[in-house]
Amino acid sequence: MPNRTEYTIFLINLDHSKLLSPWNTQASANHVNTIASDINNQILASYEVNGYIQNNLGNALSAFQYNFQNTLMNFIVVSIPVFFAHGILVTQSPMSPLT
């Protein structure tokens, strides 16, 4: 009998209200990734198969964190020259209390 590959799909639904917090996305991503690791270690290991977990929620949280950090860094990089120019213009003004 030839070897056959069978595909098994587990659809796992999680309680989002207990796992996710809109104010702490890092902790939410850690919770989701911990559950994905537990599923990978406990369930897939018991079937002795090479499995893959498609963690859509974890991927979305990671993408959100990356985009948020990128936006924050861009804001800082753009605002530093503005504050620097403001400081120079204030000290060069004849009405400045610093002169």
PDB file of N, CA and C in Angstrom:
ATOM      1  N   MET A   1       0.840  -1.168   0.000  1.00  0.00           N
ATOM      2  CA  MET A   1       0.000   0.000   0.000  1.00  0.00           C
ATOM      3  C   MET A   1       0.894   1.242   0.000  1.00  0.00           C
ATOM      4  N   PRO A   2       0.672   2.157  -0.914  1.00  0.00           N
ATOM      5  CA  PRO A   2       1.523   3.357  -0.995  1.00  0.00           C
ATOM      6  C   PRO A   2       1.248   4.304   0.181  1.00  0.00           C
ATOM      7  N   ASN A   3       2.252   5.114   0.473  1.00  0.00           N
ATOM      8  CA  ASN A   3       2.090   6.102   1.540  1.00  0.00           C
ATOM      9  C   ASN A   3       1.127   7.188   1.079  1.00  0.00           C
ATOM     10  N   ARG A   4       0.249   7.548   1.954  1.00  0.00           N
ATOM     11  CA  ARG A   4      -0.697   8.612   1.656  1.00  0.00           C
ATOM     12  C   ARG A   4      -0.557   9.697   2.715  1.00  0.00           C
ATOM     13  N   THR A   5      -0.772  10.884   2.289  1.00  0.00           N
ATOM     14  CA  THR A   5      -0.750  12.000   3.216  1.00  0.00           C
ATOM     15  C   THR A   5      -2.178  12.446   3.458  1.00  0.00           C
ATOM     16  N   GLU A   6      -2.529  12.523   4.707  1.00  0.00           N
ATOM     17  CA  GLU A   6      -3.858  13.003   5.064  1.00  0.00           C
ATOM     18  C   GLU A   6      -3.723  14.369   5.708  1.00  0.00           C
ATOM     19  N   TYR A   7      -4.614  15.241   5.341  1.00  0.00           N
ATOM     20  CA  TYR A   7      -4.601  16.598   5.865  1.00  0.00           C
ATOM     21  C   TYR A   7      -5.676  16.731   6.927  1.00  0.00           C
ATOM     22  N   THR A   8      -5.268  17.213   8.068  1.00  0.00           N
ATOM     23  CA  THR A   8      -6.203  17.447   9.158  1.00  0.00           C
ATOM     24  C   THR A   8      -6.115  18.912   9.538  1.00  0.00           C
ATOM     25  N   ILE A   9      -7.261  19.515   9.655  1.00  0.00           N
ATOM     26  CA  ILE A   9      -7.310  20.926  10.015  1.00  0.00           C
ATOM     27  C   ILE A   9      -8.062  21.058  11.327  1.00  0.00           C
ATOM     28  N   PHE A  10      -7.444  21.738  12.281  1.00  0.00           N
ATOM     29  CA  PHE A  10      -8.093  22.053  13.546  1.00  0.00           C
ATOM     30  C   PHE A  10      -8.459  23.527  13.514  1.00  0.00           C
ATOM     31  N   LEU A  11      -9.701  23.823  13.706  1.00  0.00           N
ATOM     32  CA  LEU A  11     -10.136  25.209  13.846  1.00  0.00           C
ATOM     33  C   LEU A  11     -10.342  25.471  15.333  1.00  0.00           C
ATOM     34  N   ILE A  12      -9.524  26.328  15.876  1.00  0.00           N
ATOM     35  CA  ILE A  12      -9.550  26.576  17.317  1.00  0.00           C
ATOM     36  C   ILE A  12     -10.057  27.982  17.545  1.00  0.00           C
ATOM     37  N   ASN A  13     -11.094  28.087  18.335  1.00  0.00           N
ATOM     38  CA  ASN A  13     -11.700  29.366  18.653  1.00  0.00           C
ATOM     39  C   ASN A  13     -11.295  29.741  20.075  1.00  0.00           C
ATOM     40  N   LEU A  14     -10.832  30.968  20.261  1.00  0.00           N
ATOM     41  CA  LEU A  14     -10.361  31.423  21.571  1.00  0.00           C
ATOM     42  C   LEU A  14     -11.290  32.508  22.106  1.00  0.00           C
ATOM     43  N   ASP A  15     -11.301  32.638  23.418  1.00  0.00           N
ATOM     44  CA  ASP A  15     -12.085  33.693  24.054  1.00  0.00           C
ATOM     45  C   ASP A  15     -11.285  34.997  23.966  1.00  0.00           C
ATOM     46  N   HIS A  16     -11.657  35.835  23.040  1.00  0.00           N
ATOM     47  CA  HIS A  16     -10.888  37.057  22.798  1.00  0.00           C
ATOM     48  C   HIS A  16     -10.963  38.031  23.956  1.00  0.00           C
ATOM     49  N   SER A  17     -12.076  38.051  24.678  1.00  0.00           N
ATOM     50  CA  SER A  17     -12.213  39.023  25.765  1.00  0.00           C
ATOM     51  C   SER A  17     -11.221  38.757  26.897  1.00  0.00           C
ATOM     52  N   LYS A  18     -10.823  37.495  27.086  1.00  0.00           N
ATOM     53  CA  LYS A  18      -9.857  37.180  28.135  1.00  0.00           C
ATOM     54  C   LYS A  18      -8.412  37.306  27.658  1.00  0.00           C
ATOM     55  N   LEU A  19      -8.183  37.141  26.375  1.00  0.00           N
ATOM     56  CA  LEU A  19      -6.817  37.147  25.851  1.00  0.00           C
ATOM     57  C   LEU A  19      -6.342  38.503  25.376  1.00  0.00           C
ATOM     58  N   LEU A  20      -7.240  39.300  24.835  1.00  0.00           N
ATOM     59  CA  LEU A  20      -6.838  40.528  24.168  1.00  0.00           C
ATOM     60  C   LEU A  20      -7.185  41.761  24.984  1.00  0.00           C
ATOM     61  N   SER A  21      -6.271  42.694  24.961  1.00  0.00           N
ATOM     62  CA  SER A  21      -6.489  43.997  25.582  1.00  0.00           C
ATOM     63  C   SER A  21      -6.122  45.059  24.552  1.00  0.00           C
ATOM     64  N   PRO A  22      -7.033  45.965  24.248  1.00  0.00           N
ATOM     65  CA  PRO A  22      -6.697  46.987  23.255  1.00  0.00           C
ATOM     66  C   PRO A  22      -5.648  47.972  23.749  1.00  0.00           C
ATOM     67  N   TRP A  23      -5.417  48.023  25.056  1.00  0.00           N
ATOM     68  CA  TRP A  23      -4.462  48.980  25.606  1.00  0.00           C
ATOM     69  C   TRP A  23      -3.083  48.379  25.805  1.00  0.00           C
ATOM     70  N   ASN A  24      -2.954  47.069  25.690  1.00  0.00           N
ATOM     71  CA  ASN A  24      -1.659  46.423  25.880  1.00  0.00           C
ATOM     72  C   ASN A  24      -1.489  45.338  24.816  1.00  0.00           C
ATOM     73  N   THR A  25      -1.091  45.756  23.635  1.00  0.00           N
ATOM     74  CA  THR A  25      -0.994  44.810  22.524  1.00  0.00           C
ATOM     75  C   THR A  25       0.185  43.857  22.689  1.00  0.00           C
ATOM     76  N   GLN A  26       1.223  44.284  23.396  1.00  0.00           N
ATOM     77  CA  GLN A  26       2.365  43.393  23.616  1.00  0.00           C
ATOM     78  C   GLN A  26       1.953  42.200  24.479  1.00  0.00           C
ATOM     79  N   ALA A  27       1.218  42.454  25.539  1.00  0.00           N
ATOM     80  CA  ALA A  27       0.750  41.355  26.390  1.00  0.00           C
ATOM     81  C   ALA A  27      -0.241  40.473  25.632  1.00  0.00           C
ATOM     82  N   SER A  28      -1.085  41.085  24.823  1.00  0.00           N
ATOM     83  CA  SER A  28      -2.036  40.309  24.021  1.00  0.00           C
ATOM     84  C   SER A  28      -1.301  39.393  23.047  1.00  0.00           C
ATOM     85  N   ALA A  29      -0.276  39.913  22.399  1.00  0.00           N
ATOM     86  CA  ALA A  29       0.507  39.100  21.462  1.00  0.00           C
ATOM     87  C   ALA A  29       1.212  37.967  22.201  1.00  0.00           C
ATOM     88  N   ASN A  30       1.708  38.247  23.399  1.00  0.00           N
ATOM     89  CA  ASN A  30       2.357  37.195  24.194  1.00  0.00           C
ATOM     90  C   ASN A  30       1.370  36.099  24.580  1.00  0.00           C
ATOM     91  N   HIS A  31       0.147  36.487  24.968  1.00  0.00           N
ATOM     92  CA  HIS A  31      -0.878  35.494  25.323  1.00  0.00           C
ATOM     93  C   HIS A  31      -1.205  34.605  24.133  1.00  0.00           C
ATOM     94  N   VAL A  32      -1.408  35.226  22.975  1.00  0.00           N
ATOM     95  CA  VAL A  32      -1.776  34.465  21.778  1.00  0.00           C
ATOM     96  C   VAL A  32      -0.632  33.549  21.344  1.00  0.00           C
ATOM     97  N   ASN A  33       0.597  34.040  21.384  1.00  0.00           N
ATOM     98  CA  ASN A  33       1.741  33.218  20.994  1.00  0.00           C
ATOM     99  C   ASN A  33       1.987  32.080  21.985  1.00  0.00           C
ATOM    100  N   THR A  34       1.707  32.310  23.259  1.00  0.00           N
ATOM    101  CA  THR A  34       1.830  31.243  24.255  1.00  0.00           C
ATOM    102  C   THR A  34       0.827  30.129  23.983  1.00  0.00           C
ATOM    103  N   ILE A  35      -0.394  30.509  23.653  1.00  0.00           N
ATOM    104  CA  ILE A  35      -1.410  29.497  23.345  1.00  0.00           C
ATOM    105  C   ILE A  35      -1.044  28.749  22.065  1.00  0.00           C
ATOM    106  N   ALA A  36      -0.527  29.459  21.068  1.00  0.00           N
ATOM    107  CA  ALA A  36      -0.105  28.793  19.829  1.00  0.00           C
ATOM    108  C   ALA A  36       1.032  27.811  20.099  1.00  0.00           C
ATOM    109  N   SER A  37       1.956  28.180  20.972  1.00  0.00           N
ATOM    110  CA  SER A  37       3.055  27.267  21.329  1.00  0.00           C
ATOM    111  C   SER A  37       2.535  26.052  22.086  1.00  0.00           C
ATOM    112  N   ASP A  38       1.586  26.275  22.996  1.00  0.00           N
ATOM    113  CA  ASP A  38       0.999  25.154  23.731  1.00  0.00           C
ATOM    114  C   ASP A  38       0.284  24.195  22.792  1.00  0.00           C
ATOM    115  N   ILE A  39      -0.440  24.735  21.843  1.00  0.00           N
ATOM    116  CA  ILE A  39      -1.136  23.888  20.865  1.00  0.00           C
ATOM    117  C   ILE A  39      -0.122  23.107  20.051  1.00  0.00           C
ATOM    118  N   ASN A  40       0.921  23.780  19.642  1.00  0.00           N
ATOM    119  CA  ASN A  40       1.948  23.121  18.839  1.00  0.00           C
ATOM    120  C   ASN A  40       2.639  22.018  19.633  1.00  0.00           C
ATOM    121  N   ASN A  41       2.931  22.267  20.902  1.00  0.00           N
ATOM    122  CA  ASN A  41       3.659  21.296  21.717  1.00  0.00           C
ATOM    123  C   ASN A  41       2.797  20.153  22.222  1.00  0.00           C
ATOM    124  N   GLN A  42       1.564  20.421  22.546  1.00  0.00           N
ATOM    125  CA  GLN A  42       0.737  19.394  23.161  1.00  0.00           C
ATOM    126  C   GLN A  42      -0.128  18.640  22.158  1.00  0.00           C
ATOM    127  N   ILE A  43      -0.838  19.339  21.323  1.00  0.00           N
ATOM    128  CA  ILE A  43      -1.777  18.672  20.423  1.00  0.00           C
ATOM    129  C   ILE A  43      -1.063  18.058  19.231  1.00  0.00           C
ATOM    130  N   LEU A  44      -0.235  18.846  18.558  1.00  0.00           N
ATOM    131  CA  LEU A  44       0.429  18.316  17.371  1.00  0.00           C
ATOM    132  C   LEU A  44       1.466  17.251  17.727  1.00  0.00           C
ATOM    133  N   ALA A  45       2.073  17.367  18.903  1.00  0.00           N
ATOM    134  CA  ALA A  45       3.057  16.364  19.314  1.00  0.00           C
ATOM    135  C   ALA A  45       2.380  15.026  19.614  1.00  0.00           C
ATOM    136  N   SER A  46       1.140  15.059  20.084  1.00  0.00           N
ATOM    137  CA  SER A  46       0.457  13.803  20.389  1.00  0.00           C
ATOM    138  C   SER A  46       0.070  13.048  19.115  1.00  0.00           C
ATOM    139  N   TYR A  47      -0.056  13.751  18.005  1.00  0.00           N
ATOM    140  CA  TYR A  47      -0.351  13.086  16.739  1.00  0.00           C
ATOM    141  C   TYR A  47       0.911  12.677  15.987  1.00  0.00           C
ATOM    142  N   GLU A  48       2.070  13.096  16.496  1.00  0.00           N
ATOM    143  CA  GLU A  48       3.367  12.763  15.909  1.00  0.00           C
ATOM    144  C   GLU A  48       3.426  13.113  14.419  1.00  0.00           C
ATOM    145  N   VAL A  49       3.036  14.316  14.131  1.00  0.00           N
ATOM    146  CA  VAL A  49       3.059  14.797  12.753  1.00  0.00           C
ATOM    147  C   VAL A  49       3.814  16.115  12.716  1.00  0.00           C
ATOM    148  N   ASN A  50       4.251  16.461  11.552  1.00  0.00           N
ATOM    149  CA  ASN A  50       4.826  17.782  11.352  1.00  0.00           C
ATOM    150  C   ASN A  50       3.678  18.723  11.015  1.00  0.00           C
ATOM    151  N   GLY A  51       3.402  19.601  11.922  1.00  0.00           N
ATOM    152  CA  GLY A  51       2.270  20.493  11.736  1.00  0.00           C
ATOM    153  C   GLY A  51       2.705  21.942  11.706  1.00  0.00           C
ATOM    154  N   TYR A  52       1.801  22.739  11.278  1.00  0.00           N
ATOM    155  CA  TYR A  52       2.041  24.179  11.213  1.00  0.00           C
ATOM    156  C   TYR A  52       0.815  24.883  11.758  1.00  0.00           C
ATOM    157  N   ILE A  53       1.040  25.864  12.585  1.00  0.00           N
ATOM    158  CA  ILE A  53      -0.059  26.667  13.121  1.00  0.00           C
ATOM    159  C   ILE A  53      -0.049  28.002  12.389  1.00  0.00           C
ATOM    160  N   GLN A  54      -1.163  28.295  11.769  1.00  0.00           N
ATOM    161  CA  GLN A  54      -1.313  29.584  11.104  1.00  0.00           C
ATOM    162  C   GLN A  54      -1.963  30.528  12.113  1.00  0.00           C
ATOM    163  N   ASN A  55      -1.151  31.332  12.737  1.00  0.00           N
ATOM    164  CA  ASN A  55      -1.582  32.199  13.829  1.00  0.00           C
ATOM    165  C   ASN A  55      -1.944  33.565  13.259  1.00  0.00           C
ATOM    166  N   ASN A  56      -3.141  33.682  12.723  1.00  0.00           N
ATOM    167  CA  ASN A  56      -3.555  34.943  12.101  1.00  0.00           C
ATOM    168  C   ASN A  56      -3.672  36.080  13.105  1.00  0.00           C
ATOM    169  N   LEU A  57      -4.177  35.779  14.287  1.00  0.00           N
ATOM    170  CA  LEU A  57      -4.329  36.813  15.300  1.00  0.00           C
ATOM    171  C   LEU A  57      -2.966  37.307  15.796  1.00  0.00           C
ATOM    172  N   GLY A  58      -2.044  36.380  16.014  1.00  0.00           N
ATOM    173  CA  GLY A  58      -0.700  36.778  16.428  1.00  0.00           C
ATOM    174  C   GLY A  58       0.010  37.590  15.360  1.00  0.00           C
ATOM    175  N   ASN A  59      -0.181  37.208  14.104  1.00  0.00           N
ATOM    176  CA  ASN A  59       0.422  37.965  13.001  1.00  0.00           C
ATOM    177  C   ASN A  59      -0.157  39.372  12.913  1.00  0.00           C
ATOM    178  N   ALA A  60      -1.465  39.500  13.107  1.00  0.00           N
ATOM    179  CA  ALA A  60      -2.099  40.819  13.057  1.00  0.00           C
ATOM    180  C   ALA A  60      -1.611  41.706  14.201  1.00  0.00           C
ATOM    181  N   LEU A  61      -1.473  41.135  15.391  1.00  0.00           N
ATOM    182  CA  LEU A  61      -0.974  41.919  16.527  1.00  0.00           C
ATOM    183  C   LEU A  61       0.468  42.348  16.316  1.00  0.00           C
ATOM    184  N   SER A  62       1.286  41.470  15.773  1.00  0.00           N
ATOM    185  CA  SER A  62       2.687  41.827  15.501  1.00  0.00           C
ATOM    186  C   SER A  62       2.778  42.922  14.446  1.00  0.00           C
ATOM    187  N   ALA A  63       1.951  42.834  13.416  1.00  0.00           N
ATOM    188  CA  ALA A  63       1.951  43.867  12.375  1.00  0.00           C
ATOM    189  C   ALA A  63       1.492  45.203  12.950  1.00  0.00           C
ATOM    190  N   PHE A  64       0.489  45.178  13.833  1.00  0.00           N
ATOM    191  CA  PHE A  64       0.020  46.412  14.455  1.00  0.00           C
ATOM    192  C   PHE A  64       1.117  47.037  15.305  1.00  0.00           C
ATOM    193  N   GLN A  65       1.814  46.216  16.093  1.00  0.00           N
ATOM    194  CA  GLN A  65       2.891  46.737  16.936  1.00  0.00           C
ATOM    195  C   GLN A  65       4.006  47.351  16.088  1.00  0.00           C
ATOM    196  N   TYR A  66       4.359  46.677  14.996  1.00  0.00           N
ATOM    197  CA  TYR A  66       5.408  47.193  14.124  1.00  0.00           C
ATOM    198  C   TYR A  66       4.988  48.526  13.523  1.00  0.00           C
ATOM    199  N   ASN A  67       3.757  48.601  13.025  1.00  0.00           N
ATOM    200  CA  ASN A  67       3.279  49.848  12.421  1.00  0.00           C
ATOM    201  C   ASN A  67       3.197  50.969  13.445  1.00  0.00           C
ATOM    202  N   PHE A  68       2.771  50.660  14.658  1.00  0.00           N
ATOM    203  CA  PHE A  68       2.678  51.674  15.700  1.00  0.00           C
ATOM    204  C   PHE A  68       4.065  52.194  16.071  1.00  0.00           C
ATOM    205  N   GLN A  69       5.029  51.290  16.258  1.00  0.00           N
ATOM    206  CA  GLN A  69       6.384  51.709  16.593  1.00  0.00           C
ATOM    207  C   GLN A  69       7.002  52.522  15.465  1.00  0.00           C
ATOM    208  N   ASN A  70       6.718  52.122  14.224  1.00  0.00           N
ATOM    209  CA  ASN A  70       7.227  52.853  13.074  1.00  0.00           C
ATOM    210  C   ASN A  70       6.640  54.266  13.022  1.00  0.00           C
ATOM    211  N   THR A  71       5.354  54.392  13.279  1.00  0.00           N
ATOM    212  CA  THR A  71       4.713  55.711  13.293  1.00  0.00           C
ATOM    213  C   THR A  71       5.279  56.576  14.412  1.00  0.00           C
ATOM    214  N   LEU A  72       5.482  55.997  15.577  1.00  0.00           N
ATOM    215  CA  LEU A  72       6.047  56.743  16.704  1.00  0.00           C
ATOM    216  C   LEU A  72       7.463  57.218  16.401  1.00  0.00           C
ATOM    217  N   MET A  73       8.275  56.355  15.814  1.00  0.00           N
ATOM    218  CA  MET A  73       9.648  56.729  15.470  1.00  0.00           C
ATOM    219  C   MET A  73       9.663  57.832  14.409  1.00  0.00           C
ATOM    220  N   ASN A  74       8.792  57.725  13.415  1.00  0.00           N
ATOM    221  CA  ASN A  74       8.718  58.774  12.393  1.00  0.00           C
ATOM    222  C   ASN A  74       8.301  60.102  13.003  1.00  0.00           C
ATOM    223  N   PHE A  75       7.362  60.082  13.927  1.00  0.00           N
ATOM    224  CA  PHE A  75       6.948  61.316  14.592  1.00  0.00           C
ATOM    225  C   PHE A  75       8.113  61.943  15.349  1.00  0.00           C
ATOM    226  N   ILE A  76       8.873  61.134  16.055  1.00  0.00           N
ATOM    227  CA  ILE A  76      10.010  61.660  16.819  1.00  0.00           C
ATOM    228  C   ILE A  76      11.067  62.240  15.890  1.00  0.00           C
ATOM    229  N   VAL A  77      11.374  61.533  14.816  1.00  0.00           N
ATOM    230  CA  VAL A  77      12.399  61.999  13.881  1.00  0.00           C
ATOM    231  C   VAL A  77      11.981  63.309  13.225  1.00  0.00           C
ATOM    232  N   VAL A  78      10.708  63.462  12.922  1.00  0.00           N
ATOM    233  CA  VAL A  78      10.237  64.688  12.273  1.00  0.00           C
ATOM    234  C   VAL A  78      10.127  65.820  13.285  1.00  0.00           C
ATOM    235  N   SER A  79       9.764  65.539  14.529  1.00  0.00           N
ATOM    236  CA  SER A  79       9.531  66.609  15.492  1.00  0.00           C
ATOM    237  C   SER A  79      10.816  67.175  16.096  1.00  0.00           C
ATOM    238  N   ILE A  80      11.889  66.425  16.142  1.00  0.00           N
ATOM    239  CA  ILE A  80      13.133  66.930  16.744  1.00  0.00           C
ATOM    240  C   ILE A  80      13.651  68.170  16.010  1.00  0.00           C
ATOM    241  N   PRO A  81      13.743  68.167  14.670  1.00  0.00           N
ATOM    242  CA  PRO A  81      14.192  69.399  14.007  1.00  0.00           C
ATOM    243  C   PRO A  81      13.244  70.582  14.204  1.00  0.00           C
ATOM    244  N   VAL A  82      11.966  70.309  14.329  1.00  0.00           N
ATOM    245  CA  VAL A  82      11.005  71.396  14.549  1.00  0.00           C
ATOM    246  C   VAL A  82      11.258  72.056  15.898  1.00  0.00           C
ATOM    247  N   PHE A  83      11.443  71.266  16.949  1.00  0.00           N
ATOM    248  CA  PHE A  83      11.723  71.834  18.267  1.00  0.00           C
ATOM    249  C   PHE A  83      13.087  72.508  18.297  1.00  0.00           C
ATOM    250  N   PHE A  84      14.051  71.960  17.576  1.00  0.00           N
ATOM    251  CA  PHE A  84      15.364  72.579  17.503  1.00  0.00           C
ATOM    252  C   PHE A  84      15.277  73.946  16.820  1.00  0.00           C
ATOM    253  N   ALA A  85      14.555  74.004  15.708  1.00  0.00           N
ATOM    254  CA  ALA A  85      14.387  75.286  15.000  1.00  0.00           C
ATOM    255  C   ALA A  85      13.621  76.274  15.869  1.00  0.00           C
ATOM    256  N   HIS A  86      12.642  75.817  16.596  1.00  0.00           N
ATOM    257  CA  HIS A  86      11.885  76.688  17.485  1.00  0.00           C
ATOM    258  C   HIS A  86      12.807  77.275  18.555  1.00  0.00           C
ATOM    259  N   GLY A  87      13.665  76.438  19.124  1.00  0.00           N
ATOM    260  CA  GLY A  87      14.584  76.929  20.151  1.00  0.00           C
ATOM    261  C   GLY A  87      15.545  77.967  19.595  1.00  0.00           C
ATOM    262  N   ILE A  88      16.031  77.768  18.390  1.00  0.00           N
ATOM    263  CA  ILE A  88      16.951  78.742  17.787  1.00  0.00           C
ATOM    264  C   ILE A  88      16.227  80.048  17.487  1.00  0.00           C
ATOM    265  N   LEU A  89      15.030  79.942  16.940  1.00  0.00           N
ATOM    266  CA  LEU A  89      14.287  81.166  16.603  1.00  0.00           C
ATOM    267  C   LEU A  89      13.897  81.944  17.847  1.00  0.00           C
ATOM    268  N   VAL A  90      13.568  81.268  18.929  1.00  0.00           N
ATOM    269  CA  VAL A  90      13.192  81.965  20.161  1.00  0.00           C
ATOM    270  C   VAL A  90      14.402  82.673  20.750  1.00  0.00           C
ATOM    271  N   THR A  91      15.557  82.046  20.727  1.00  0.00           N
ATOM    272  CA  THR A  91      16.733  82.689  21.323  1.00  0.00           C
ATOM    273  C   THR A  91      17.260  83.816  20.439  1.00  0.00           C
ATOM    274  N   GLN A  92      16.965  83.816  19.145  1.00  0.00           N
ATOM    275  CA  GLN A  92      17.420  84.878  18.247  1.00  0.00           C
ATOM    276  C   GLN A  92      16.452  86.051  18.189  1.00  0.00           C
ATOM    277  N   SER A  93      15.282  85.897  18.754  1.00  0.00           N
ATOM    278  CA  SER A  93      14.271  86.951  18.707  1.00  0.00           C
ATOM    279  C   SER A  93      14.681  88.093  19.611  1.00  0.00           C
ATOM    280  N   PRO A  94      14.476  89.342  19.160  1.00  0.00           N
ATOM    281  CA  PRO A  94      14.827  90.496  20.020  1.00  0.00           C
ATOM    282  C   PRO A  94      13.929  90.583  21.255  1.00  0.00           C
ATOM    283  N   MET A  95      12.768  89.989  21.219  1.00  0.00           N
ATOM    284  CA  MET A  95      11.848  90.056  22.360  1.00  0.00           C
ATOM    285  C   MET A  95      12.043  88.865  23.295  1.00  0.00           C
ATOM    286  N   SER A  96      13.038  88.043  23.042  1.00  0.00           N
ATOM    287  CA  SER A  96      13.250  86.833  23.826  1.00  0.00           C
ATOM    288  C   SER A  96      13.725  87.160  25.240  1.00  0.00           C
ATOM    289  N   PRO A  97      13.165  86.507  26.245  1.00  0.00           N
ATOM    290  CA  PRO A  97      13.643  86.752  27.615  1.00  0.00           C
ATOM    291  C   PRO A  97      15.005  86.117  27.851  1.00  0.00           C
ATOM    292  N   LEU A  98      15.475  85.270  26.891  1.00  0.00           N
ATOM    293  CA  LEU A  98      16.752  84.598  27.076  1.00  0.00           C
ATOM    294  C   LEU A  98      17.945  85.443  26.602  1.00  0.00           C
ATOM    295  N   THR A  99      17.685  86.559  25.935  1.00  0.00           N
ATOM    296  CA  THR A  99      18.799  87.393  25.440  1.00  0.00           C
ATOM    297  C   THR A  99      19.094  88.534  26.356  1.00  0.00           C
TER     298      THR A  99
END
